Amino acid sequence: MLLDAWLSEKSYVQTSSLVTLRNGNELSLDFGVVEQLGAQVVAITSLVGGGAKDINVINPSTGESHVLPFVQVFDESELR
């Protein structure tokens, strides 16, 4: 599983998370590196999340697209 502390679509959240969900660049790069090392990513997890139940990642090396389950411990709306 790929783990991030906070994945959200809100602009006030850390820049990397905004880029991750809006463009998929950072998360796809992480996914590609993990796959290149021989592991199979089965889900993406985050302590805090918001929105999506699935996340589409694209391996930048191969161009292959994968839809993975997104599991969060807390929804950001619960923390307001």
Protein backbone atom coordinates (compact mmCIF):
# COMPACT_ATOMS: atom_id res chain seq x y z
CA MET A 1 0.00 0.00 0.00
CA LEU A 2 1.16 3.53 -0.70
CA LEU A 3 0.73 5.68 2.41
CA ASP A 4 0.38 9.47 2.62
CA ALA A 5 -0.41 11.53 5.70
CA TRP A 6 -3.07 13.72 4.05
CA LEU A 7 -4.62 13.46 0.59
CA SER A 8 -7.24 16.07 -0.21
CA GLU A 9 -8.63 18.09 -3.08
CA LYS A 10 -8.69 21.34 -1.06
CA SER A 11 -6.18 23.99 -2.04
CA TYR A 12 -5.28 24.86 1.55
CA VAL A 13 -3.82 21.41 2.15
CA GLN A 14 -0.14 20.72 1.49
CA THR A 15 0.92 21.36 -2.09
CA SER A 16 2.05 17.79 -2.75
CA SER A 17 -1.39 16.40 -1.93
CA LEU A 18 -3.11 18.94 -4.17
CA VAL A 19 -0.81 17.99 -7.04
CA THR A 20 -1.32 14.31 -6.25
CA LEU A 21 -5.09 14.34 -6.65
CA ARG A 22 -5.55 17.05 -9.28
CA ASN A 23 -2.80 15.93 -11.68
CA GLY A 24 -1.74 12.55 -10.34
CA ASN A 25 1.93 13.38 -10.97
CA GLU A 26 3.47 12.73 -7.57
CA LEU A 27 1.38 9.69 -6.72
CA SER A 28 1.91 8.19 -10.18
CA LEU A 29 5.66 8.68 -9.83
CA ASP A 30 5.63 6.92 -6.43
CA PHE A 31 3.51 4.15 -7.94
CA GLY A 32 5.92 3.75 -10.87
CA VAL A 33 8.97 3.52 -8.59
CA VAL A 34 7.33 0.91 -6.36
CA GLU A 35 6.27 -1.18 -9.39
CA GLN A 36 9.75 -0.86 -10.93
CA LEU A 37 11.18 -2.37 -7.74
CA GLY A 38 8.91 -5.39 -8.18
CA ALA A 39 6.13 -4.68 -5.70
CA GLN A 40 2.43 -4.68 -6.54
CA VAL A 41 0.44 -1.74 -5.15
CA VAL A 42 -3.01 -2.93 -4.03
CA ALA A 43 -4.36 0.26 -2.40
CA ILE A 44 -3.53 3.82 -1.46
CA THR A 45 -4.00 4.82 2.18
CA SER A 46 -4.00 8.10 4.05
CA LEU A 47 -4.51 9.19 7.62
CA VAL A 48 -6.70 12.09 6.41
CA GLY A 49 -8.46 12.17 3.06
CA GLY A 50 -11.37 13.69 1.28
CA GLY A 51 -13.48 12.82 -1.69
CA ALA A 52 -12.46 9.90 -3.86
CA LYS A 53 -12.96 6.25 -2.97
CA ASP A 54 -10.69 5.19 -5.85
CA ILE A 55 -7.61 6.87 -7.33
CA ASN A 56 -6.37 6.44 -10.90
CA VAL A 57 -2.58 6.20 -11.12
CA ILE A 58 -0.49 5.96 -14.27
CA ASN A 59 2.93 4.35 -14.28
CA PRO A 60 5.05 7.04 -15.97
CA SER A 61 7.54 4.44 -17.25
CA THR A 62 5.03 2.19 -19.00
CA GLY A 63 1.94 4.39 -19.42
CA GLU A 64 -0.22 1.70 -17.81
CA SER A 65 -3.21 3.02 -15.87
CA HIS A 66 -4.51 1.44 -12.66
CA VAL A 67 -7.55 2.31 -10.55
CA LEU A 68 -6.75 1.56 -6.90
CA PRO A 69 -8.94 1.68 -3.80
CA PHE A 70 -8.35 4.71 -1.59
CA VAL A 71 -8.64 4.02 2.15
CA GLN A 72 -8.67 6.88 4.66
CA VAL A 73 -8.80 6.82 8.46
CA PHE A 74 -10.47 10.24 8.79
CA ASP A 75 -12.40 12.39 6.33
CA GLU A 76 -11.20 15.98 6.40
CA SER A 77 -14.80 17.13 7.02
CA GLU A 78 -14.65 15.38 10.42
CA LEU A 79 -11.72 17.56 11.44
CA ARG A 80 -13.36 20.96 10.93
